[in-house]
């Protein structure tokens, strides 16, 4: 699942590489509007005649993509890093399937780590009691909880979690890296 998602992440990073250089911030309204200059994007990449990319850019999903990812100050993610910093790597891997597969697996691993920050914590499902189980005589009563011990365990857990490095990327907002301009690479 993660490898398929990594392939699509890489594909869209290649398709939209340099999109940030074609964003225009319009401040006529009370709320700024972000507009994507499609003609400039297609022209700089030499893809004006490309019917597929034109249809993608005219779609509602791309409009949502621009409105969500257009602001220059927001939380960044793996896609932003790919678009901004992995341009040369993706170009170098273009004719080398083993390198592409290696990169896809690295991306899949990062996706997995982002979704499962604490893989060592396993949640065990507790089965539902069978019908009539409450009538059995051999069931022991639930023990009383020692409040002091519970507080000690909570304090120990807090102390451990404060000392441990964060496992996932925080949602701290930052300036989104623009990456290279569209004119630096031309796709065939």
N, C-alpha and C. Protein backbone atom coordinates (compact mmCIF):
# COMPACT_ATOMS: atom_id res chain seq x y z
N UNK A 1 0.83 -1.19 0.00
CA UNK A 1 0.00 0.00 0.00
C UNK A 1 0.87 1.25 0.00
N UNK A 2 1.86 1.27 0.87
CA UNK A 2 2.72 2.46 0.97
C UNK A 2 3.57 2.64 -0.29
N UNK A 3 3.99 1.54 -0.90
CA UNK A 3 4.80 1.65 -2.12
C UNK A 3 3.97 2.19 -3.28
N UNK A 4 2.72 1.79 -3.38
CA UNK A 4 1.85 2.33 -4.43
C UNK A 4 1.66 3.83 -4.20
N UNK A 5 1.42 4.21 -2.95
CA UNK A 5 1.28 5.63 -2.63
C UNK A 5 2.56 6.40 -2.92
N UNK A 6 3.71 5.77 -2.66
CA UNK A 6 5.00 6.42 -2.94
C UNK A 6 5.19 6.62 -4.44
N UNK A 7 4.75 5.67 -5.25
CA UNK A 7 4.84 5.81 -6.71
C UNK A 7 4.01 6.99 -7.17
N UNK A 8 2.79 7.11 -6.66
CA UNK A 8 1.95 8.24 -7.06
C UNK A 8 2.50 9.57 -6.52
N UNK A 9 3.07 9.55 -5.33
CA UNK A 9 3.68 10.75 -4.77
C UNK A 9 4.81 11.23 -5.68
N UNK A 10 5.61 10.30 -6.10
CA UNK A 10 6.73 10.62 -6.99
C UNK A 10 6.23 11.10 -8.36
N UNK A 11 5.19 10.45 -8.89
CA UNK A 11 4.62 10.85 -10.18
C UNK A 11 4.10 12.28 -10.13
N UNK A 12 3.33 12.60 -9.09
CA UNK A 12 2.77 13.95 -9.00
C UNK A 12 3.86 14.98 -8.70
N UNK A 13 4.90 14.58 -7.99
CA UNK A 13 6.01 15.51 -7.77
C UNK A 13 6.69 15.82 -9.09
N UNK A 14 6.80 14.82 -9.97
CA UNK A 14 7.39 15.05 -11.29
C UNK A 14 6.46 15.90 -12.16
N UNK A 15 5.16 15.60 -12.13
CA UNK A 15 4.20 16.35 -12.95
C UNK A 15 4.15 17.82 -12.55
N UNK A 16 4.15 18.09 -11.26
CA UNK A 16 3.93 19.45 -10.78
C UNK A 16 5.23 20.16 -10.38
N UNK A 17 6.37 19.58 -10.76
CA UNK A 17 7.64 20.19 -10.40
C UNK A 17 7.71 21.63 -10.91
N UNK A 18 8.00 22.56 -10.03
CA UNK A 18 8.09 23.96 -10.39
C UNK A 18 6.77 24.70 -10.34
N UNK A 19 5.71 24.06 -9.84
CA UNK A 19 4.40 24.71 -9.82
C UNK A 19 4.39 25.97 -8.96
N UNK A 20 5.23 26.01 -7.93
CA UNK A 20 5.21 27.16 -7.02
C UNK A 20 5.66 28.45 -7.71
N UNK A 21 6.49 28.31 -8.75
CA UNK A 21 6.94 29.52 -9.45
C UNK A 21 5.84 30.11 -10.33
N UNK A 22 4.75 29.37 -10.54
CA UNK A 22 3.64 29.86 -11.36
C UNK A 22 2.43 30.25 -10.52
N UNK A 23 2.60 30.34 -9.20
CA UNK A 23 1.51 30.77 -8.33
C UNK A 23 1.53 32.29 -8.23
N UNK A 24 0.35 32.87 -8.25
CA UNK A 24 0.23 34.32 -8.11
C UNK A 24 -0.70 34.59 -6.93
N UNK A 25 -0.28 35.45 -6.04
CA UNK A 25 -1.08 35.84 -4.89
C UNK A 25 -1.80 37.15 -5.24
N UNK A 26 -3.12 37.11 -5.27
CA UNK A 26 -3.92 38.29 -5.62
C UNK A 26 -4.53 38.83 -4.34
N UNK A 27 -4.26 40.07 -4.03
CA UNK A 27 -4.71 40.67 -2.78
C UNK A 27 -5.79 41.73 -2.99
N UNK A 28 -6.66 41.52 -3.94
CA UNK A 28 -7.74 42.47 -4.19
C UNK A 28 -8.82 42.32 -3.12
N UNK A 29 -9.11 41.12 -2.75
CA UNK A 29 -10.18 40.82 -1.80
C UNK A 29 -9.66 40.89 -0.36
N UNK A 30 -10.58 40.83 0.57
CA UNK A 30 -10.19 40.81 1.99
C UNK A 30 -9.32 39.59 2.28
N UNK A 31 -9.69 38.46 1.70
CA UNK A 31 -8.89 37.24 1.81
C UNK A 31 -8.03 37.12 0.56
N UNK A 32 -6.73 36.93 0.67
CA UNK A 32 -5.91 36.77 -0.53
C UNK A 32 -6.33 35.53 -1.33
N UNK A 33 -6.28 35.64 -2.64
CA UNK A 33 -6.64 34.54 -3.54
C UNK A 33 -5.36 34.07 -4.23
N UNK A 34 -5.18 32.77 -4.28
CA UNK A 34 -4.01 32.21 -4.93
C UNK A 34 -4.45 31.68 -6.30
N UNK A 35 -3.78 32.15 -7.34
CA UNK A 35 -4.10 31.78 -8.71
C UNK A 35 -2.90 31.06 -9.31
N UNK A 36 -3.16 30.01 -10.06
CA UNK A 36 -2.11 29.27 -10.74
C UNK A 36 -2.12 29.68 -12.21
N UNK A 37 -0.99 30.12 -12.71
CA UNK A 37 -0.86 30.57 -14.10
C UNK A 37 -0.54 29.34 -14.96
N UNK A 38 -1.60 28.69 -15.49
CA UNK A 38 -1.45 27.44 -16.24
C UNK A 38 -0.64 27.62 -17.52
N UNK A 39 -0.91 28.70 -18.24
CA UNK A 39 -0.23 28.91 -19.52
C UNK A 39 1.28 29.06 -19.31
N UNK A 40 1.68 29.77 -18.27
CA UNK A 40 3.11 29.94 -17.99
C UNK A 40 3.74 28.60 -17.63
N UNK A 41 3.04 27.82 -16.82
CA UNK A 41 3.56 26.51 -16.39
C UNK A 41 3.75 25.60 -17.60
N UNK A 42 2.72 25.49 -18.44
CA UNK A 42 2.81 24.62 -19.61
C UNK A 42 3.83 25.16 -20.63
N UNK A 43 3.86 26.46 -20.80
CA UNK A 43 4.79 27.06 -21.76
C UNK A 43 6.24 26.89 -21.36
N UNK A 44 6.56 27.10 -20.09
CA UNK A 44 7.93 26.97 -19.63
C UNK A 44 8.42 25.53 -19.71
N UNK A 45 7.49 24.59 -19.60
CA UNK A 45 7.87 23.18 -19.68
C UNK A 45 7.77 22.64 -21.10
N UNK A 46 7.29 23.45 -22.03
CA UNK A 46 7.16 23.02 -23.41
C UNK A 46 6.07 21.98 -23.59
N UNK A 47 5.02 22.07 -22.81
CA UNK A 47 3.94 21.07 -22.84
C UNK A 47 2.58 21.68 -23.16
N UNK A 48 2.57 22.76 -23.92
CA UNK A 48 1.30 23.42 -24.25
C UNK A 48 0.37 22.47 -25.00
N UNK A 49 0.92 21.63 -25.84
CA UNK A 49 0.11 20.70 -26.64
C UNK A 49 -0.24 19.42 -25.88
N UNK A 50 0.25 19.25 -24.66
CA UNK A 50 0.01 18.02 -23.91
C UNK A 50 -1.42 18.02 -23.36
N UNK A 51 -2.24 17.20 -23.96
CA UNK A 51 -3.66 17.16 -23.60
C UNK A 51 -3.88 16.63 -22.18
N UNK A 52 -3.10 15.62 -21.78
CA UNK A 52 -3.28 15.03 -20.46
C UNK A 52 -3.01 16.04 -19.35
N UNK A 53 -1.85 16.69 -19.41
CA UNK A 53 -1.49 17.64 -18.35
C UNK A 53 -2.44 18.84 -18.34
N UNK A 54 -2.89 19.26 -19.51
CA UNK A 54 -3.86 20.36 -19.58
C UNK A 54 -5.15 19.98 -18.87
N UNK A 55 -5.62 18.76 -19.09
CA UNK A 55 -6.84 18.31 -18.42
C UNK A 55 -6.64 18.18 -16.91
N UNK A 56 -5.47 17.72 -16.50
CA UNK A 56 -5.17 17.62 -15.06
C UNK A 56 -5.21 19.01 -14.43
N UNK A 57 -4.58 19.99 -15.09
CA UNK A 57 -4.53 21.34 -14.54
C UNK A 57 -5.88 22.03 -14.53
N UNK A 58 -6.78 21.63 -15.41
CA UNK A 58 -8.11 22.22 -15.46
C UNK A 58 -9.10 21.54 -14.52
N UNK A 59 -8.71 20.46 -13.90
CA UNK A 59 -9.61 19.69 -13.04
C UNK A 59 -9.83 20.32 -11.68
N UNK A 60 -10.91 19.89 -11.04
CA UNK A 60 -11.25 20.38 -9.70
C UNK A 60 -10.23 19.93 -8.66
N UNK A 61 -9.67 18.74 -8.85
CA UNK A 61 -8.70 18.24 -7.88
C UNK A 61 -7.46 19.14 -7.87
N UNK A 62 -7.03 19.62 -9.04
CA UNK A 62 -5.87 20.50 -9.08
C UNK A 62 -6.20 21.86 -8.47
N UNK A 63 -7.43 22.33 -8.68
CA UNK A 63 -7.84 23.60 -8.05
C UNK A 63 -7.78 23.48 -6.53
N UNK A 64 -8.23 22.36 -6.01
CA UNK A 64 -8.13 22.10 -4.56
C UNK A 64 -6.68 22.00 -4.12
N UNK A 65 -5.85 21.38 -4.94
CA UNK A 65 -4.43 21.27 -4.66
C UNK A 65 -3.79 22.65 -4.53
N UNK A 66 -4.12 23.55 -5.46
CA UNK A 66 -3.55 24.91 -5.44
C UNK A 66 -4.04 25.68 -4.22
N UNK A 67 -5.33 25.57 -3.91
CA UNK A 67 -5.83 26.32 -2.76
C UNK A 67 -5.27 25.79 -1.44
N UNK A 68 -5.01 24.48 -1.38
CA UNK A 68 -4.48 23.89 -0.15
C UNK A 68 -2.97 24.09 -0.02
N UNK A 69 -2.25 23.95 -1.12
CA UNK A 69 -0.79 24.00 -1.09
C UNK A 69 -0.21 25.31 -1.59
N UNK A 70 -1.06 26.25 -1.96
CA UNK A 70 -0.59 27.52 -2.48
C UNK A 70 -0.01 28.47 -1.46
N UNK A 71 -0.58 28.53 -0.24
CA UNK A 71 -0.06 29.50 0.73
C UNK A 71 1.44 29.31 0.97
N UNK A 72 2.19 30.41 0.99
CA UNK A 72 3.64 30.29 1.15
C UNK A 72 4.08 29.96 2.58
N UNK A 73 3.16 30.04 3.53
CA UNK A 73 3.49 29.76 4.93
C UNK A 73 2.50 28.76 5.47
N UNK A 74 2.90 27.51 5.54
CA UNK A 74 2.05 26.43 6.05
C UNK A 74 2.93 25.26 6.46
N UNK A 75 2.31 24.24 7.02
CA UNK A 75 3.07 23.04 7.40
C UNK A 75 3.52 22.31 6.14
N UNK A 76 4.79 21.97 6.07
CA UNK A 76 5.35 21.27 4.91
C UNK A 76 5.31 19.76 5.14
N UNK A 77 5.37 19.02 4.03
CA UNK A 77 5.33 17.57 4.14
C UNK A 77 6.28 16.95 3.12
N UNK A 78 6.17 15.64 2.96
CA UNK A 78 7.06 14.89 2.08
C UNK A 78 6.95 15.36 0.63
N UNK A 79 5.75 15.68 0.17
CA UNK A 79 5.56 16.15 -1.20
C UNK A 79 6.35 17.43 -1.45
N UNK A 80 6.26 18.37 -0.50
CA UNK A 80 7.00 19.63 -0.65
C UNK A 80 8.50 19.39 -0.74
N UNK A 81 9.00 18.47 0.06
CA UNK A 81 10.42 18.15 0.03
C UNK A 81 10.82 17.54 -1.31
N UNK A 82 9.97 16.64 -1.83
CA UNK A 82 10.25 16.03 -3.13
C UNK A 82 10.31 17.07 -4.23
N UNK A 83 9.33 17.96 -4.27
CA UNK A 83 9.25 18.98 -5.32
C UNK A 83 10.42 19.96 -5.21
N UNK A 84 10.82 20.30 -4.00
CA UNK A 84 11.84 21.32 -3.82
C UNK A 84 13.27 20.78 -3.89
N UNK A 85 13.52 19.61 -3.32
CA UNK A 85 14.90 19.19 -3.15
C UNK A 85 15.31 17.94 -3.93
N UNK A 86 14.37 17.19 -4.45
CA UNK A 86 14.70 15.92 -5.09
C UNK A 86 14.68 15.99 -6.62
N UNK A 87 14.71 17.18 -7.19
CA UNK A 87 14.63 17.34 -8.64
C UNK A 87 15.77 16.61 -9.33
N UNK A 88 16.98 16.86 -8.89
CA UNK A 88 18.15 16.26 -9.52
C UNK A 88 18.15 14.74 -9.35
N UNK A 89 17.75 14.27 -8.19
CA UNK A 89 17.73 12.82 -7.95
C UNK A 89 16.74 12.14 -8.88
N UNK A 90 15.56 12.72 -9.01
CA UNK A 90 14.53 12.13 -9.88
C UNK A 90 15.00 12.13 -11.34
N UNK A 91 15.65 13.22 -11.77
CA UNK A 91 16.17 13.27 -13.13
C UNK A 91 17.27 12.23 -13.35
N UNK A 92 18.14 12.04 -12.36
CA UNK A 92 19.24 11.09 -12.49
C UNK A 92 18.74 9.65 -12.52
N UNK A 93 17.64 9.37 -11.87
CA UNK A 93 17.10 8.01 -11.80
C UNK A 93 16.23 7.66 -12.99
N UNK A 94 16.00 8.60 -13.88
CA UNK A 94 15.01 8.43 -14.95
C UNK A 94 15.18 7.15 -15.76
N UNK A 95 16.38 6.76 -16.12
CA UNK A 95 16.56 5.56 -16.94
C UNK A 95 17.06 4.36 -16.16
N UNK A 96 17.01 4.40 -14.84
CA UNK A 96 17.58 3.34 -14.02
C UNK A 96 16.52 2.76 -13.08
N UNK A 97 15.81 1.71 -13.53
CA UNK A 97 14.74 1.13 -12.69
C UNK A 97 15.15 0.71 -11.28
N UNK A 98 16.34 0.10 -11.06
CA UNK A 98 16.69 -0.27 -9.68
C UNK A 98 16.78 0.94 -8.75
N UNK A 99 17.30 2.07 -9.25
CA UNK A 99 17.38 3.27 -8.43
C UNK A 99 15.99 3.83 -8.15
N UNK A 100 15.11 3.76 -9.14
CA UNK A 100 13.74 4.24 -8.95
C UNK A 100 13.05 3.41 -7.88
N UNK A 101 13.21 2.09 -7.96
CA UNK A 101 12.59 1.19 -6.98
C UNK A 101 13.14 1.46 -5.59
N UNK A 102 14.45 1.70 -5.50
CA UNK A 102 15.05 2.02 -4.19
C UNK A 102 14.45 3.30 -3.62
N UNK A 103 14.30 4.32 -4.47
CA UNK A 103 13.73 5.58 -4.01
C UNK A 103 12.27 5.41 -3.60
N UNK A 104 11.52 4.63 -4.36
CA UNK A 104 10.12 4.36 -4.01
C UNK A 104 10.03 3.68 -2.65
N UNK A 105 10.92 2.73 -2.41
CA UNK A 105 10.91 2.03 -1.11
C UNK A 105 11.28 2.97 0.04
N UNK A 106 12.21 3.89 -0.21
CA UNK A 106 12.55 4.89 0.82
C UNK A 106 11.35 5.79 1.12
N UNK A 107 10.67 6.22 0.07
CA UNK A 107 9.48 7.05 0.27
C UNK A 107 8.39 6.29 1.02
N UNK A 108 8.21 5.01 0.66
CA UNK A 108 7.20 4.18 1.33
C UNK A 108 7.53 4.03 2.81
N UNK A 109 8.81 3.89 3.12
CA UNK A 109 9.22 3.78 4.52
C UNK A 109 8.93 5.08 5.27
N UNK A 110 9.18 6.23 4.62
CA UNK A 110 8.88 7.51 5.26
C UNK A 110 7.38 7.67 5.47
N UNK A 111 6.58 7.25 4.50
CA UNK A 111 5.12 7.32 4.66
C UNK A 111 4.68 6.45 5.83
N UNK A 112 5.25 5.25 5.92
CA UNK A 112 4.90 4.35 7.01
C UNK A 112 5.27 4.95 8.36
N UNK A 113 6.47 5.56 8.45
CA UNK A 113 6.91 6.17 9.71
C UNK A 113 6.03 7.35 10.09
N UNK A 114 5.58 8.12 9.10
CA UNK A 114 4.71 9.25 9.39
C UNK A 114 3.36 8.80 9.93
N UNK A 115 2.86 7.66 9.45
CA UNK A 115 1.56 7.17 9.90
C UNK A 115 1.64 6.31 11.14
N UNK A 116 2.79 5.72 11.39
CA UNK A 116 2.98 4.85 12.56
C UNK A 116 4.21 5.32 13.33
N UNK A 117 4.10 6.44 14.04
CA UNK A 117 5.28 6.98 14.71
C UNK A 117 5.84 6.09 15.82
N UNK A 118 5.01 5.27 16.44
CA UNK A 118 5.46 4.40 17.52
C UNK A 118 5.13 2.95 17.18
N UNK A 119 5.93 2.32 16.30
CA UNK A 119 5.60 0.96 15.88
C UNK A 119 5.73 -0.08 16.99
N UNK A 120 6.47 0.25 18.05
CA UNK A 120 6.65 -0.71 19.14
C UNK A 120 5.42 -0.82 20.04
N UNK A 121 4.53 0.15 19.95
CA UNK A 121 3.31 0.09 20.76
C UNK A 121 2.28 -0.74 20.00
N UNK A 122 1.90 -1.84 20.57
CA UNK A 122 0.92 -2.71 19.93
C UNK A 122 -0.37 -2.65 20.72
N UNK A 123 -1.44 -2.50 20.01
CA UNK A 123 -2.74 -2.47 20.67
C UNK A 123 -3.36 -3.86 20.56
N UNK A 124 -3.73 -4.39 21.70
CA UNK A 124 -4.30 -5.71 21.72
C UNK A 124 -5.81 -5.57 21.86
N UNK A 125 -6.52 -6.28 20.99
CA UNK A 125 -7.98 -6.24 21.08
C UNK A 125 -8.44 -7.14 22.22
N UNK A 126 -9.33 -6.63 23.01
CA UNK A 126 -9.89 -7.40 24.11
C UNK A 126 -11.20 -8.00 23.63
N UNK A 127 -11.31 -9.34 23.69
CA UNK A 127 -12.54 -9.96 23.20
C UNK A 127 -13.72 -9.62 24.10
N UNK A 128 -14.88 -9.54 23.49
CA UNK A 128 -16.10 -9.29 24.26
C UNK A 128 -16.41 -10.52 25.11
N UNK A 129 -16.93 -10.30 26.31
CA UNK A 129 -17.29 -11.47 27.14
C UNK A 129 -18.45 -12.23 26.50
N UNK A 130 -18.43 -13.52 26.69
CA UNK A 130 -19.49 -14.35 26.13
C UNK A 130 -20.79 -14.10 26.87
N UNK A 131 -21.86 -14.48 26.23
CA UNK A 131 -23.18 -14.27 26.84
C UNK A 131 -23.29 -15.11 28.11
N UNK A 132 -23.72 -14.50 29.16
CA UNK A 132 -23.90 -15.19 30.44
C UNK A 132 -22.62 -15.31 31.25
N UNK A 133 -21.53 -14.71 30.80
CA UNK A 133 -20.27 -14.83 31.53
C UNK A 133 -20.34 -14.16 32.89
N UNK A 134 -21.20 -13.16 33.04
CA UNK A 134 -21.31 -12.48 34.33
C UNK A 134 -21.93 -13.36 35.41
N UNK A 135 -22.54 -14.46 35.00
CA UNK A 135 -23.19 -15.36 35.97
C UNK A 135 -22.23 -16.41 36.52
N UNK A 136 -21.04 -16.49 35.97
CA UNK A 136 -20.09 -17.51 36.42
C UNK A 136 -19.57 -17.17 37.82
N UNK A 137 -19.38 -18.19 38.62
CA UNK A 137 -18.98 -18.01 40.00
C UNK A 137 -17.47 -17.81 40.13
N UNK A 138 -16.70 -18.40 39.26
CA UNK A 138 -15.25 -18.39 39.42
C UNK A 138 -14.59 -17.06 39.03
N UNK A 139 -15.33 -16.09 38.57
CA UNK A 139 -14.74 -14.80 38.19
C UNK A 139 -14.45 -14.00 39.46
N UNK A 140 -13.20 -13.55 39.55
CA UNK A 140 -12.79 -12.77 40.71
C UNK A 140 -13.26 -11.34 40.55
N UNK A 141 -13.56 -10.67 41.65
CA UNK A 141 -13.96 -9.27 41.56
C UNK A 141 -12.79 -8.40 41.09
N UNK A 142 -13.10 -7.32 40.43
CA UNK A 142 -12.08 -6.40 39.92
C UNK A 142 -11.35 -5.78 41.11
N UNK A 143 -10.02 -5.78 41.10
CA UNK A 143 -9.27 -5.24 42.24
C UNK A 143 -9.41 -3.72 42.33
N UNK A 144 -9.22 -3.21 43.52
CA UNK A 144 -9.26 -1.76 43.73
C UNK A 144 -8.00 -1.14 43.13
N UNK A 145 -8.17 0.03 42.58
CA UNK A 145 -7.05 0.72 41.94
C UNK A 145 -6.31 1.55 42.99
N UNK A 146 -5.00 1.42 42.99
CA UNK A 146 -4.15 2.18 43.89
C UNK A 146 -3.84 3.52 43.21
N UNK A 147 -4.44 4.59 43.70
CA UNK A 147 -4.30 5.90 43.07
C UNK A 147 -2.85 6.38 43.07
N UNK A 148 -2.13 6.12 44.13
CA UNK A 148 -0.73 6.55 44.19
C UNK A 148 0.10 5.87 43.11
N UNK A 149 -0.11 4.57 42.94
CA UNK A 149 0.64 3.82 41.93
C UNK A 149 0.30 4.31 40.52
N UNK A 150 -0.96 4.63 40.27
CA UNK A 150 -1.38 5.16 38.96
C UNK A 150 -0.67 6.48 38.70
N UNK A 151 -0.61 7.35 39.68
CA UNK A 151 0.08 8.63 39.52
C UNK A 151 1.57 8.43 39.26
N UNK A 152 2.18 7.47 39.98
CA UNK A 152 3.60 7.18 39.74
C UNK A 152 3.84 6.72 38.31
N UNK A 153 2.98 5.83 37.82
CA UNK A 153 3.12 5.33 36.45
C UNK A 153 2.94 6.47 35.43
N UNK A 154 1.98 7.34 35.68
CA UNK A 154 1.78 8.48 34.78
C UNK A 154 3.00 9.39 34.76
N UNK A 155 3.57 9.67 35.91
CA UNK A 155 4.75 10.53 36.00
C UNK A 155 5.95 9.89 35.30
N UNK A 156 6.11 8.58 35.47
CA UNK A 156 7.20 7.87 34.79
C UNK A 156 7.04 7.96 33.28
N UNK A 157 5.83 7.75 32.80
CA UNK A 157 5.56 7.83 31.36
C UNK A 157 5.81 9.22 30.80
N UNK A 158 5.39 10.25 31.55
CA UNK A 158 5.64 11.63 31.11
C UNK A 158 7.13 11.93 31.06
N UNK A 159 7.86 11.46 32.06
CA UNK A 159 9.30 11.71 32.10
C UNK A 159 10.00 11.03 30.92
N UNK A 160 9.59 9.81 30.59
CA UNK A 160 10.18 9.11 29.44
C UNK A 160 9.84 9.80 28.13
N UNK A 161 8.59 10.23 27.97
CA UNK A 161 8.18 10.85 26.70
C UNK A 161 8.81 12.22 26.51
N UNK A 162 9.09 12.93 27.59
CA UNK A 162 9.73 14.24 27.47
C UNK A 162 11.20 14.10 27.10
N UNK A 163 11.83 13.03 27.51
CA UNK A 163 13.24 12.82 27.21
C UNK A 163 13.47 12.20 25.85
N UNK A 164 12.45 11.58 25.27
CA UNK A 164 12.60 10.91 23.99
C UNK A 164 12.49 11.92 22.84
N UNK A 165 13.26 11.69 21.77
CA UNK A 165 13.14 12.60 20.62
C UNK A 165 11.80 12.39 19.93
N UNK A 166 11.25 13.43 19.32
CA UNK A 166 9.97 13.28 18.63
C UNK A 166 10.11 12.31 17.46
N UNK A 167 9.15 11.42 17.34
CA UNK A 167 9.21 10.38 16.30
C UNK A 167 8.68 10.89 14.96
N UNK A 168 7.80 11.86 14.96
CA UNK A 168 7.23 12.33 13.70
C UNK A 168 7.49 13.80 13.53
N UNK A 169 7.29 14.21 12.34
CA UNK A 169 7.44 15.61 12.00
C UNK A 169 6.26 16.37 12.58
N UNK A 170 6.51 17.47 13.22
CA UNK A 170 5.44 18.28 13.78
C UNK A 170 4.72 19.06 12.70
N UNK A 171 3.59 19.57 13.01
CA UNK A 171 2.83 20.37 12.06
C UNK A 171 3.16 21.84 12.22
N UNK A 172 4.43 22.13 12.47
CA UNK A 172 4.83 23.52 12.61
C UNK A 172 4.83 24.17 11.25
N UNK A 173 4.30 25.37 11.19
CA UNK A 173 4.25 26.07 9.93
C UNK A 173 5.62 26.66 9.62
N UNK A 174 5.95 26.67 8.34
CA UNK A 174 7.21 27.23 7.90
C UNK A 174 7.02 27.76 6.49
N UNK A 175 8.03 28.43 5.98
CA UNK A 175 7.98 28.91 4.61
C UNK A 175 8.18 27.72 3.70
N UNK A 176 7.28 27.52 2.75
CA UNK A 176 7.34 26.38 1.86
C UNK A 176 8.48 26.59 0.86
N UNK A 177 9.38 25.61 0.73
CA UNK A 177 10.47 25.78 -0.23
C UNK A 177 9.93 25.77 -1.65
N UNK A 178 10.38 26.70 -2.46
CA UNK A 178 9.86 26.84 -3.82
C UNK A 178 10.47 25.82 -4.77
N UNK A 179 11.69 25.41 -4.53
CA UNK A 179 12.34 24.50 -5.46
C UNK A 179 12.82 25.26 -6.68
N UNK A 180 13.39 24.55 -7.64
CA UNK A 180 13.90 25.22 -8.82
C UNK A 180 12.76 25.74 -9.69
N UNK A 181 13.01 26.81 -10.45
CA UNK A 181 11.97 27.32 -11.33
C UNK A 181 11.67 26.33 -12.45
N UNK A 182 10.52 26.48 -13.06
CA UNK A 182 10.07 25.55 -14.09
C UNK A 182 11.04 25.49 -15.26
N UNK A 183 11.63 26.59 -15.63
CA UNK A 183 12.50 26.65 -16.79
C UNK A 183 13.78 25.83 -16.67
N UNK A 184 14.17 25.39 -15.46
CA UNK A 184 15.40 24.64 -15.28
C UNK A 184 15.33 23.24 -15.81
N UNK A 185 14.16 22.70 -15.98
CA UNK A 185 14.03 21.34 -16.49
C UNK A 185 12.92 21.32 -17.52
N UNK A 186 13.10 20.55 -18.52
CA UNK A 186 12.07 20.41 -19.55
C UNK A 186 11.78 18.93 -19.68
N UNK A 187 10.51 18.59 -19.49
CA UNK A 187 10.10 17.19 -19.56
C UNK A 187 9.78 16.82 -21.00
N UNK A 188 10.03 15.59 -21.32
CA UNK A 188 9.68 15.15 -22.67
C UNK A 188 8.35 14.44 -22.64
